[in-house]
Amino acid sequence: MRFKRFGASLLVAGVALLGAATPAMAHSELKSSDPAKGASLATPPTQIKLTFSGPVTLAADPIQITGPENAKWTVGRAEVAGAVITAPVQAVGPAGEYTLRYKVTFEDTHESSGTVKFNLSAPAAPPSSGSAAVSASSAAPETSATPVPQADETTPEGLVPGWVWIVLAVAVVVAGLVGALRIVRRKNDRS
């Protein structure tokens, strides 16, 4: 009878451990972007939009867009509204593949960076002197009021999947149960 209670208690504790650990292991990530990953655009965007699965703050120099022939777009001041970042952009460069690089910090202080690749099917001409351009003052990235500690950057692709942590936790619980069973059997054998 004592053995059944002990086993049931250990099982309940293991399930509670798994239930409590799962939310802590979940990291926010990029949900969508505009331009979308892999998109082919006839005209360059005037603004980019990144939507994450949780609230973010900006890291230093949070957004960069580069392309073929060393093309580098001018990115204006990024704005954050909860889990959404928007920034005006001024596109220059030939047709081809462009890479948007981002750096953000999530609520849990986890820093993340990643890329979104998209294609331009026509060259992006530099703006004429009469058109509105992103000013130098607005090109400076927004920084948070509190300094963000620099940590090793990880991309969402570099994170360990959640199922690995769940399997590991189950293995620990099973090992605990096996150990408890052996101890109880040894006590019963001695009696």
N, C-alpha and C. Protein backbone atom coordinates (compact mmCIF):
# COMPACT_ATOMS: atom_id res chain seq x y z
N MET A 1 0.83 -1.18 0.00
CA MET A 1 0.00 0.00 0.00
C MET A 1 0.88 1.25 0.00
N ARG A 2 1.96 1.24 0.82
CA ARG A 2 2.86 2.40 0.87
C ARG A 2 3.53 2.60 -0.48
N PHE A 3 3.84 1.51 -1.15
CA PHE A 3 4.50 1.57 -2.43
C PHE A 3 3.61 2.26 -3.47
N LYS A 4 2.33 1.93 -3.49
CA LYS A 4 1.40 2.54 -4.44
C LYS A 4 1.29 4.04 -4.20
N ARG A 5 1.20 4.44 -2.94
CA ARG A 5 1.11 5.88 -2.62
C ARG A 5 2.37 6.61 -3.06
N PHE A 6 3.51 6.00 -2.77
CA PHE A 6 4.79 6.61 -3.14
C PHE A 6 4.91 6.75 -4.66
N GLY A 7 4.55 5.70 -5.38
CA GLY A 7 4.60 5.73 -6.85
C GLY A 7 3.64 6.76 -7.42
N ALA A 8 2.43 6.82 -6.87
CA ALA A 8 1.45 7.80 -7.34
C ALA A 8 1.93 9.22 -7.05
N SER A 9 2.50 9.43 -5.88
CA SER A 9 3.03 10.76 -5.54
C SER A 9 4.16 11.16 -6.47
N LEU A 10 5.04 10.22 -6.77
CA LEU A 10 6.15 10.50 -7.67
C LEU A 10 5.64 10.80 -9.08
N LEU A 11 4.63 10.08 -9.53
CA LEU A 11 4.06 10.31 -10.85
C LEU A 11 3.40 11.69 -10.92
N VAL A 12 2.65 12.06 -9.90
CA VAL A 12 2.01 13.38 -9.87
C VAL A 12 3.07 14.48 -9.86
N ALA A 13 4.13 14.30 -9.11
CA ALA A 13 5.21 15.29 -9.07
C ALA A 13 5.88 15.43 -10.43
N GLY A 14 6.08 14.31 -11.12
CA GLY A 14 6.68 14.35 -12.45
C GLY A 14 5.81 15.07 -13.46
N VAL A 15 4.50 14.80 -13.42
CA VAL A 15 3.57 15.47 -14.33
C VAL A 15 3.53 16.97 -14.03
N ALA A 16 3.53 17.33 -12.76
CA ALA A 16 3.54 18.75 -12.38
C ALA A 16 4.82 19.42 -12.86
N LEU A 17 5.94 18.72 -12.75
CA LEU A 17 7.22 19.26 -13.21
C LEU A 17 7.18 19.50 -14.71
N LEU A 18 6.65 18.57 -15.46
CA LEU A 18 6.54 18.73 -16.92
C LEU A 18 5.61 19.89 -17.27
N GLY A 19 4.50 20.00 -16.58
CA GLY A 19 3.55 21.07 -16.86
C GLY A 19 4.12 22.44 -16.54
N ALA A 20 4.89 22.55 -15.47
CA ALA A 20 5.47 23.84 -15.08
C ALA A 20 6.66 24.21 -15.94
N ALA A 21 7.40 23.23 -16.44
CA ALA A 21 8.61 23.52 -17.20
C ALA A 21 8.32 23.90 -18.64
N THR A 22 7.25 23.43 -19.22
CA THR A 22 6.98 23.68 -20.64
C THR A 22 6.86 25.15 -20.97
N PRO A 23 6.08 25.99 -20.23
CA PRO A 23 6.02 27.40 -20.58
C PRO A 23 7.36 28.10 -20.43
N ALA A 24 8.15 27.72 -19.49
CA ALA A 24 9.43 28.37 -19.29
C ALA A 24 10.40 28.08 -20.44
N MET A 25 10.23 26.93 -21.10
CA MET A 25 11.13 26.57 -22.18
C MET A 25 10.74 27.21 -23.50
N ALA A 26 9.51 27.71 -23.59
CA ALA A 26 9.05 28.28 -24.85
C ALA A 26 9.63 29.67 -25.02
N HIS A 27 10.31 29.90 -26.13
CA HIS A 27 10.83 31.21 -26.45
C HIS A 27 9.97 31.83 -27.53
N SER A 28 9.86 33.14 -27.47
CA SER A 28 9.15 33.83 -28.53
C SER A 28 9.95 33.71 -29.82
N GLU A 29 9.28 33.91 -30.94
CA GLU A 29 9.95 33.80 -32.23
C GLU A 29 9.23 34.66 -33.25
N LEU A 30 9.85 34.83 -34.40
CA LEU A 30 9.26 35.59 -35.49
C LEU A 30 8.09 34.80 -36.06
N LYS A 31 6.89 35.41 -36.09
CA LYS A 31 5.71 34.75 -36.63
C LYS A 31 5.53 35.08 -38.10
N SER A 32 5.71 36.36 -38.47
CA SER A 32 5.51 36.75 -39.86
C SER A 32 6.32 38.01 -40.15
N SER A 33 6.49 38.28 -41.43
CA SER A 33 7.22 39.48 -41.84
C SER A 33 6.61 40.02 -43.12
N ASP A 34 6.81 41.32 -43.32
CA ASP A 34 6.41 41.97 -44.56
C ASP A 34 7.58 42.82 -45.00
N PRO A 35 8.33 42.41 -45.98
CA PRO A 35 8.07 41.33 -46.93
C PRO A 35 8.22 39.95 -46.29
N ALA A 36 7.45 39.02 -46.82
CA ALA A 36 7.45 37.66 -46.29
C ALA A 36 8.70 36.91 -46.72
N LYS A 37 9.06 35.91 -45.93
CA LYS A 37 10.20 35.06 -46.25
C LYS A 37 9.97 34.39 -47.60
N GLY A 38 10.93 34.54 -48.51
CA GLY A 38 10.84 33.92 -49.82
C GLY A 38 10.00 34.67 -50.84
N ALA A 39 9.47 35.85 -50.46
CA ALA A 39 8.60 36.60 -51.36
C ALA A 39 9.40 37.12 -52.56
N SER A 40 8.71 37.28 -53.68
CA SER A 40 9.30 37.88 -54.88
C SER A 40 8.51 39.15 -55.15
N LEU A 41 9.19 40.30 -55.06
CA LEU A 41 8.53 41.59 -55.17
C LEU A 41 8.88 42.28 -56.48
N ALA A 42 7.89 42.88 -57.12
CA ALA A 42 8.13 43.64 -58.34
C ALA A 42 8.67 45.03 -58.00
N THR A 43 8.22 45.58 -56.88
CA THR A 43 8.69 46.89 -56.43
C THR A 43 9.15 46.75 -54.98
N PRO A 44 10.17 47.51 -54.59
CA PRO A 44 10.66 47.40 -53.21
C PRO A 44 9.68 48.01 -52.22
N PRO A 45 9.64 47.48 -51.01
CA PRO A 45 8.75 48.03 -50.00
C PRO A 45 9.28 49.37 -49.50
N THR A 46 8.39 50.19 -48.96
CA THR A 46 8.80 51.45 -48.34
C THR A 46 8.84 51.31 -46.82
N GLN A 47 8.33 50.19 -46.33
CA GLN A 47 8.31 49.92 -44.90
C GLN A 47 8.41 48.41 -44.70
N ILE A 48 9.10 48.01 -43.63
CA ILE A 48 9.13 46.59 -43.28
C ILE A 48 8.35 46.42 -41.98
N LYS A 49 7.84 45.22 -41.78
CA LYS A 49 7.06 44.90 -40.58
C LYS A 49 7.43 43.51 -40.12
N LEU A 50 7.81 43.37 -38.86
CA LEU A 50 8.13 42.08 -38.26
C LEU A 50 7.16 41.83 -37.12
N THR A 51 6.50 40.68 -37.12
CA THR A 51 5.56 40.33 -36.07
C THR A 51 6.09 39.11 -35.32
N PHE A 52 6.24 39.24 -34.00
CA PHE A 52 6.77 38.17 -33.15
C PHE A 52 5.66 37.55 -32.32
N SER A 53 5.93 36.40 -31.72
CA SER A 53 4.93 35.70 -30.91
C SER A 53 4.80 36.28 -29.51
N GLY A 54 5.63 37.23 -29.15
CA GLY A 54 5.53 37.89 -27.85
C GLY A 54 6.16 39.26 -27.92
N PRO A 55 5.95 40.09 -26.89
CA PRO A 55 6.49 41.45 -26.87
C PRO A 55 8.02 41.46 -26.99
N VAL A 56 8.54 42.48 -27.67
CA VAL A 56 9.98 42.60 -27.89
C VAL A 56 10.44 44.03 -27.62
N THR A 57 11.74 44.17 -27.39
CA THR A 57 12.40 45.47 -27.39
C THR A 57 13.52 45.37 -28.42
N LEU A 58 13.99 46.53 -28.85
CA LEU A 58 15.00 46.55 -29.90
C LEU A 58 16.40 46.43 -29.33
N ALA A 59 17.23 45.70 -30.01
CA ALA A 59 18.65 45.64 -29.69
C ALA A 59 19.31 46.79 -30.45
N ALA A 60 20.59 47.00 -30.22
CA ALA A 60 21.32 48.03 -30.97
C ALA A 60 21.37 47.64 -32.44
N ASP A 61 21.18 48.61 -33.32
CA ASP A 61 21.17 48.39 -34.77
C ASP A 61 20.27 47.20 -35.10
N PRO A 62 18.95 47.33 -34.85
CA PRO A 62 18.08 46.15 -34.90
C PRO A 62 17.77 45.60 -36.28
N ILE A 63 17.83 46.43 -37.33
CA ILE A 63 17.42 45.94 -38.65
C ILE A 63 18.42 46.39 -39.71
N GLN A 64 18.82 45.46 -40.56
CA GLN A 64 19.71 45.75 -41.69
C GLN A 64 19.18 44.98 -42.89
N ILE A 65 19.26 45.61 -44.07
CA ILE A 65 18.85 44.94 -45.31
C ILE A 65 19.98 45.08 -46.31
N THR A 66 20.48 43.96 -46.78
CA THR A 66 21.57 43.95 -47.75
C THR A 66 21.19 43.08 -48.94
N GLY A 67 21.87 43.34 -50.06
CA GLY A 67 21.56 42.58 -51.26
C GLY A 67 22.75 42.42 -52.18
N PRO A 68 22.49 42.06 -53.43
CA PRO A 68 23.58 41.82 -54.38
C PRO A 68 24.38 43.09 -54.66
N GLU A 69 25.61 42.89 -55.08
CA GLU A 69 26.52 43.99 -55.40
C GLU A 69 26.70 44.95 -54.22
N ASN A 70 26.73 44.41 -53.01
CA ASN A 70 26.91 45.17 -51.77
C ASN A 70 25.85 46.24 -51.55
N ALA A 71 24.67 46.04 -52.08
CA ALA A 71 23.57 46.99 -51.87
C ALA A 71 23.18 46.99 -50.40
N LYS A 72 23.01 48.17 -49.84
CA LYS A 72 22.60 48.29 -48.44
C LYS A 72 21.49 49.33 -48.38
N TRP A 73 20.32 48.90 -47.89
CA TRP A 73 19.19 49.81 -47.80
C TRP A 73 19.32 50.68 -46.56
N THR A 74 18.77 51.88 -46.65
CA THR A 74 18.72 52.76 -45.49
C THR A 74 17.47 52.41 -44.70
N VAL A 75 17.65 52.08 -43.43
CA VAL A 75 16.53 51.71 -42.57
C VAL A 75 16.30 52.85 -41.60
N GLY A 76 15.08 53.37 -41.57
CA GLY A 76 14.72 54.46 -40.66
C GLY A 76 14.54 53.97 -39.24
N ARG A 77 14.07 54.87 -38.41
CA ARG A 77 13.88 54.56 -36.99
C ARG A 77 12.79 53.49 -36.83
N ALA A 78 13.17 52.41 -36.19
CA ALA A 78 12.24 51.31 -35.95
C ALA A 78 11.33 51.66 -34.77
N GLU A 79 10.06 51.31 -34.92
CA GLU A 79 9.07 51.53 -33.87
C GLU A 79 8.56 50.18 -33.39
N VAL A 80 8.35 50.08 -32.07
CA VAL A 80 7.86 48.83 -31.48
C VAL A 80 6.48 49.08 -30.87
N ALA A 81 5.55 48.21 -31.18
CA ALA A 81 4.22 48.22 -30.57
C ALA A 81 3.93 46.80 -30.11
N GLY A 82 4.34 46.48 -28.88
CA GLY A 82 4.15 45.13 -28.34
C GLY A 82 5.02 44.11 -29.05
N ALA A 83 4.39 43.30 -29.90
CA ALA A 83 5.12 42.24 -30.60
C ALA A 83 5.39 42.59 -32.06
N VAL A 84 5.12 43.85 -32.46
CA VAL A 84 5.26 44.25 -33.86
C VAL A 84 6.29 45.36 -33.99
N ILE A 85 7.23 45.18 -34.92
CA ILE A 85 8.23 46.20 -35.22
C ILE A 85 7.98 46.67 -36.64
N THR A 86 7.95 48.00 -36.83
CA THR A 86 7.86 48.56 -38.17
C THR A 86 8.99 49.57 -38.34
N ALA A 87 9.47 49.70 -39.56
CA ALA A 87 10.52 50.66 -39.86
C ALA A 87 10.42 51.08 -41.33
N PRO A 88 10.58 52.39 -41.61
CA PRO A 88 10.61 52.82 -43.01
C PRO A 88 11.94 52.41 -43.63
N VAL A 89 11.92 52.11 -44.93
CA VAL A 89 13.15 51.73 -45.62
C VAL A 89 13.26 52.49 -46.94
N GLN A 90 14.48 52.71 -47.34
CA GLN A 90 14.78 53.31 -48.63
C GLN A 90 15.63 52.30 -49.40
N ALA A 91 15.04 51.74 -50.45
CA ALA A 91 15.68 50.65 -51.18
C ALA A 91 16.56 51.18 -52.30
N VAL A 92 17.73 50.57 -52.44
CA VAL A 92 18.63 50.83 -53.57
C VAL A 92 19.29 49.50 -53.92
N GLY A 93 19.51 49.28 -55.21
CA GLY A 93 20.23 48.08 -55.61
C GLY A 93 19.60 47.36 -56.78
N PRO A 94 20.32 46.39 -57.30
CA PRO A 94 19.85 45.65 -58.46
C PRO A 94 18.80 44.61 -58.09
N ALA A 95 18.20 44.00 -59.09
CA ALA A 95 17.29 42.88 -58.87
C ALA A 95 18.09 41.73 -58.28
N GLY A 96 17.46 40.92 -57.47
CA GLY A 96 18.13 39.78 -56.88
C GLY A 96 17.64 39.50 -55.48
N GLU A 97 18.40 38.64 -54.76
CA GLU A 97 18.01 38.24 -53.41
C GLU A 97 18.52 39.24 -52.38
N TYR A 98 17.64 39.63 -51.46
CA TYR A 98 17.97 40.55 -50.37
C TYR A 98 17.76 39.83 -49.05
N THR A 99 18.55 40.23 -48.05
CA THR A 99 18.47 39.62 -46.73
C THR A 99 18.18 40.69 -45.69
N LEU A 100 17.08 40.51 -44.96
CA LEU A 100 16.72 41.38 -43.85
C LEU A 100 17.23 40.69 -42.59
N ARG A 101 18.11 41.36 -41.84
CA ARG A 101 18.61 40.82 -40.58
C ARG A 101 18.01 41.61 -39.43
N TYR A 102 17.57 40.90 -38.39
CA TYR A 102 16.98 41.58 -37.25
C TYR A 102 17.60 41.08 -35.95
N LYS A 103 17.57 41.97 -34.93
CA LYS A 103 18.01 41.63 -33.57
C LYS A 103 16.99 42.20 -32.61
N VAL A 104 16.46 41.36 -31.73
CA VAL A 104 15.48 41.80 -30.74
C VAL A 104 15.77 41.14 -29.39
N THR A 105 15.14 41.69 -28.37
CA THR A 105 15.21 41.09 -27.03
C THR A 105 13.77 40.83 -26.60
N PHE A 106 13.50 39.61 -26.15
CA PHE A 106 12.16 39.24 -25.71
C PHE A 106 11.96 39.58 -24.25
N GLU A 107 10.71 39.47 -23.77
CA GLU A 107 10.36 39.77 -22.39
C GLU A 107 11.24 39.04 -21.38
N ASP A 108 11.60 37.79 -21.69
CA ASP A 108 12.39 36.98 -20.76
C ASP A 108 13.89 37.29 -20.86
N THR A 109 14.24 38.43 -21.47
CA THR A 109 15.62 38.91 -21.69
C THR A 109 16.42 38.04 -22.65
N HIS A 110 15.74 37.14 -23.33
CA HIS A 110 16.39 36.29 -24.33
C HIS A 110 16.61 37.12 -25.59
N GLU A 111 17.86 37.24 -26.02
CA GLU A 111 18.18 37.96 -27.25
C GLU A 111 18.11 37.01 -28.43
N SER A 112 17.59 37.50 -29.53
CA SER A 112 17.47 36.66 -30.71
C SER A 112 17.78 37.47 -31.96
N SER A 113 18.32 36.80 -32.93
CA SER A 113 18.54 37.42 -34.24
C SER A 113 18.14 36.41 -35.30
N GLY A 114 17.83 36.91 -36.46
CA GLY A 114 17.44 36.02 -37.53
C GLY A 114 17.45 36.75 -38.86
N THR A 115 17.08 36.04 -39.90
CA THR A 115 17.07 36.63 -41.23
C THR A 115 15.78 36.29 -41.95
N VAL A 116 15.42 37.17 -42.87
CA VAL A 116 14.30 36.95 -43.78
C VAL A 116 14.83 37.26 -45.16
N LYS A 117 14.82 36.28 -46.04
CA LYS A 117 15.31 36.48 -47.41
C LYS A 117 14.12 36.66 -48.35
N PHE A 118 14.25 37.63 -49.27
CA PHE A 118 13.22 37.88 -50.26
C PHE A 118 13.91 38.34 -51.54
N ASN A 119 13.17 38.39 -52.64
CA ASN A 119 13.73 38.75 -53.94
C ASN A 119 13.05 39.98 -54.52
N LEU A 120 13.85 40.80 -55.22
CA LEU A 120 13.33 41.90 -56.02
C LEU A 120 13.48 41.48 -57.47
N SER A 121 12.39 41.55 -58.25
CA SER A 121 12.46 41.15 -59.65
C SER A 121 12.89 42.31 -60.56
N ALA A 122 12.93 43.52 -60.01
CA ALA A 122 13.38 44.69 -60.77
C ALA A 122 14.30 45.50 -59.87
N PRO A 123 15.26 46.22 -60.44
CA PRO A 123 16.16 47.00 -59.61
C PRO A 123 15.43 48.11 -58.86
N ALA A 124 15.95 48.43 -57.68
CA ALA A 124 15.42 49.53 -56.87
C ALA A 124 16.26 50.76 -57.17
N ALA A 125 15.66 51.75 -57.78
CA ALA A 125 16.39 52.96 -58.15
C ALA A 125 16.55 53.86 -56.95
N PRO A 126 17.69 54.57 -56.84
CA PRO A 126 17.84 55.52 -55.74
C PRO A 126 16.83 56.64 -55.91
N PRO A 127 16.33 57.20 -54.80
CA PRO A 127 15.33 58.25 -54.89
C PRO A 127 15.92 59.51 -55.51
N SER A 128 15.07 60.25 -56.22
CA SER A 128 15.53 61.52 -56.77
C SER A 128 15.63 62.53 -55.64
N SER A 129 16.36 63.60 -55.88
CA SER A 129 16.61 64.58 -54.81
C SER A 129 15.32 65.24 -54.35
N GLY A 130 14.27 65.24 -55.19
CA GLY A 130 13.01 65.87 -54.82
C GLY A 130 12.10 64.98 -54.01
N SER A 131 12.36 63.67 -53.97
CA SER A 131 11.47 62.78 -53.24
C SER A 131 11.83 62.72 -51.77
N ALA A 132 10.88 62.30 -50.98
CA ALA A 132 11.11 62.20 -49.54
C ALA A 132 12.03 61.03 -49.28
N ALA A 133 13.06 61.27 -48.54
CA ALA A 133 14.01 60.22 -48.20
C ALA A 133 14.06 60.06 -46.70
N VAL A 134 14.55 58.92 -46.26
CA VAL A 134 14.71 58.69 -44.83
C VAL A 134 15.84 59.58 -44.35
N SER A 135 15.54 60.46 -43.41
CA SER A 135 16.57 61.40 -42.95
C SER A 135 17.60 60.71 -42.09
N ALA A 136 18.75 61.35 -41.98
CA ALA A 136 19.84 60.76 -41.19
C ALA A 136 19.43 60.62 -39.74
N SER A 137 18.66 61.59 -39.23
CA SER A 137 18.27 61.50 -37.83
C SER A 137 17.30 60.36 -37.60
N SER A 138 16.43 60.07 -38.59
CA SER A 138 15.50 58.96 -38.41
C SER A 138 16.15 57.62 -38.74
N ALA A 139 17.33 57.65 -39.37
CA ALA A 139 18.01 56.41 -39.70
C ALA A 139 18.68 55.80 -38.48
N ALA A 140 18.83 56.58 -37.41
CA ALA A 140 19.46 56.06 -36.20
C ALA A 140 18.51 55.08 -35.55
N PRO A 141 18.97 53.90 -35.18
CA PRO A 141 18.09 52.92 -34.57
C PRO A 141 17.65 53.38 -33.19
N GLU A 142 16.45 52.98 -32.81
CA GLU A 142 15.94 53.29 -31.50
C GLU A 142 16.58 52.34 -30.50
N THR A 143 16.98 52.88 -29.38
CA THR A 143 17.53 52.02 -28.34
C THR A 143 16.64 52.12 -27.12
N SER A 144 16.62 51.09 -26.33
CA SER A 144 15.79 51.09 -25.15
C SER A 144 16.44 51.96 -24.07
N ALA A 145 15.63 52.44 -23.12
CA ALA A 145 16.15 53.31 -22.07
C ALA A 145 17.11 52.58 -21.16
N THR A 146 16.88 51.30 -20.97
CA THR A 146 17.78 50.52 -20.14
C THR A 146 18.73 49.76 -21.03
N PRO A 147 20.01 49.74 -20.70
CA PRO A 147 20.94 49.01 -21.56
C PRO A 147 20.64 47.52 -21.54
N VAL A 148 20.74 46.91 -22.69
CA VAL A 148 20.49 45.49 -22.83
C VAL A 148 21.83 44.76 -22.76
N PRO A 149 21.97 43.80 -21.85
CA PRO A 149 23.23 43.08 -21.79
C PRO A 149 23.46 42.32 -23.08
N GLN A 150 24.69 42.35 -23.56
CA GLN A 150 25.02 41.64 -24.79
C GLN A 150 25.21 40.17 -24.45
N ALA A 151 24.44 39.35 -25.09
CA ALA A 151 24.54 37.90 -24.89
C ALA A 151 24.85 37.27 -26.23
N ASP A 152 25.19 36.02 -26.20
CA ASP A 152 25.41 35.32 -27.46
C ASP A 152 24.10 35.31 -28.23
N GLU A 153 24.18 35.66 -29.49
CA GLU A 153 22.98 35.69 -30.31
C GLU A 153 22.64 34.29 -30.77
N THR A 154 21.37 34.00 -30.72
CA THR A 154 20.92 32.73 -31.25
C THR A 154 19.79 32.98 -32.22
N THR A 155 19.72 32.21 -33.24
CA THR A 155 18.62 32.33 -34.17
C THR A 155 17.56 31.34 -33.76
N PRO A 156 16.30 31.62 -34.14
CA PRO A 156 15.26 30.66 -33.80
C PRO A 156 15.58 29.27 -34.30
N GLU A 157 16.30 29.16 -35.42
CA GLU A 157 16.65 27.85 -35.94
C GLU A 157 17.65 27.14 -35.03
N GLY A 158 18.41 27.91 -34.20
CA GLY A 158 19.44 27.32 -33.36
C GLY A 158 18.93 26.85 -32.02
N LEU A 159 17.66 27.10 -31.69
CA LEU A 159 17.12 26.69 -30.41
C LEU A 159 16.80 25.21 -30.41
N VAL A 160 16.88 24.59 -29.24
CA VAL A 160 16.53 23.19 -29.10
C VAL A 160 15.01 23.08 -29.13
N PRO A 161 14.45 22.22 -29.95
CA PRO A 161 12.99 22.09 -30.03
C PRO A 161 12.40 21.69 -28.68
N GLY A 162 11.18 22.12 -28.44
CA GLY A 162 10.50 21.84 -27.17
C GLY A 162 10.32 20.36 -26.90
N TRP A 163 10.10 19.56 -27.96
CA TRP A 163 9.87 18.14 -27.74
C TRP A 163 11.10 17.46 -27.15
N VAL A 164 12.31 17.98 -27.43
CA VAL A 164 13.52 17.39 -26.86
C VAL A 164 13.51 17.55 -25.35
N TRP A 165 13.11 18.74 -24.88
CA TRP A 165 13.05 18.99 -23.44
C TRP A 165 12.00 18.11 -22.77
N ILE A 166 10.88 17.91 -23.44
CA ILE A 166 9.82 17.07 -22.88
C ILE A 166 10.30 15.62 -22.76
N VAL A 167 10.95 15.10 -23.80
CA VAL A 167 11.48 13.73 -23.75
C VAL A 167 12.51 13.60 -22.63
N LEU A 168 13.37 14.62 -22.50
CA LEU A 168 14.37 14.60 -21.43
C LEU A 168 13.71 14.59 -20.05
N ALA A 169 12.68 15.41 -19.86
CA ALA A 169 11.99 15.45 -18.57
C ALA A 169 11.31 14.12 -18.27
N VAL A 170 10.69 13.51 -19.28
CA VAL A 170 10.05 12.20 -19.09
C VAL A 170 11.10 11.16 -18.71
N ALA A 171 12.27 11.21 -19.36
CA ALA A 171 13.33 10.25 -19.04
C ALA A 171 13.79 10.41 -17.60
N VAL A 172 13.89 11.65 -17.12
CA VAL A 172 14.29 11.88 -15.73
C VAL A 172 13.25 11.32 -14.77
N VAL A 173 11.97 11.54 -15.08
CA VAL A 173 10.90 11.04 -14.22
C VAL A 173 10.91 9.51 -14.20
N VAL A 174 11.07 8.89 -15.36
CA VAL A 174 11.11 7.42 -15.43
C VAL A 174 12.31 6.89 -14.64
N ALA A 175 13.46 7.54 -14.79
CA ALA A 175 14.64 7.11 -14.03
C ALA A 175 14.39 7.22 -12.53
N GLY A 176 13.69 8.29 -12.12
CA GLY A 176 13.35 8.45 -10.70
C GLY A 176 12.42 7.36 -10.22
N LEU A 177 11.44 7.01 -11.04
CA LEU A 177 10.52 5.93 -10.67
C LEU A 177 11.24 4.59 -10.56
N VAL A 178 12.12 4.30 -11.51
CA VAL A 178 12.87 3.04 -11.47
C VAL A 178 13.73 2.99 -10.21
N GLY A 179 14.40 4.10 -9.90
CA GLY A 179 15.22 4.16 -8.68
C GLY A 179 14.39 3.97 -7.43
N ALA A 180 13.21 4.59 -7.39
CA ALA A 180 12.34 4.45 -6.22
C ALA A 180 11.84 3.02 -6.08
N LEU A 181 11.51 2.39 -7.20
CA LEU A 181 11.07 1.00 -7.14
C LEU A 181 12.16 0.08 -6.59
N ARG A 182 13.38 0.30 -7.00
CA ARG A 182 14.49 -0.53 -6.50
C ARG A 182 14.68 -0.35 -5.00
N ILE A 183 14.59 0.88 -4.54
CA ILE A 183 14.76 1.14 -3.10
C ILE A 183 13.66 0.46 -2.31
N VAL A 184 12.42 0.57 -2.78
CA VAL A 184 11.29 -0.04 -2.07
C VAL A 184 11.42 -1.56 -2.07
N ARG A 185 11.82 -2.13 -3.19
CA ARG A 185 11.98 -3.60 -3.25
C ARG A 185 13.08 -4.07 -2.32
N ARG A 186 14.18 -3.32 -2.23
CA ARG A 186 15.26 -3.69 -1.32
C ARG A 186 14.79 -3.67 0.12
N LYS A 187 13.98 -2.65 0.46
CA LYS A 187 13.46 -2.57 1.83
C LYS A 187 12.53 -3.75 2.11
N ASN A 188 11.70 -4.11 1.12
CA ASN A 188 10.77 -5.23 1.31
C ASN A 188 11.52 -6.56 1.39
N ASP A 189 12.62 -6.72 0.64
CA ASP A 189 13.41 -7.93 0.68
C ASP A 189 14.09 -8.10 2.04
N ARG A 190 14.49 -7.01 2.65
CA ARG A 190 15.18 -7.05 3.96
C ARG A 190 14.20 -7.36 5.09
N SER A 191 12.94 -7.02 4.88
CA SER A 191 11.94 -7.22 5.95
C SER A 191 11.56 -8.64 6.14
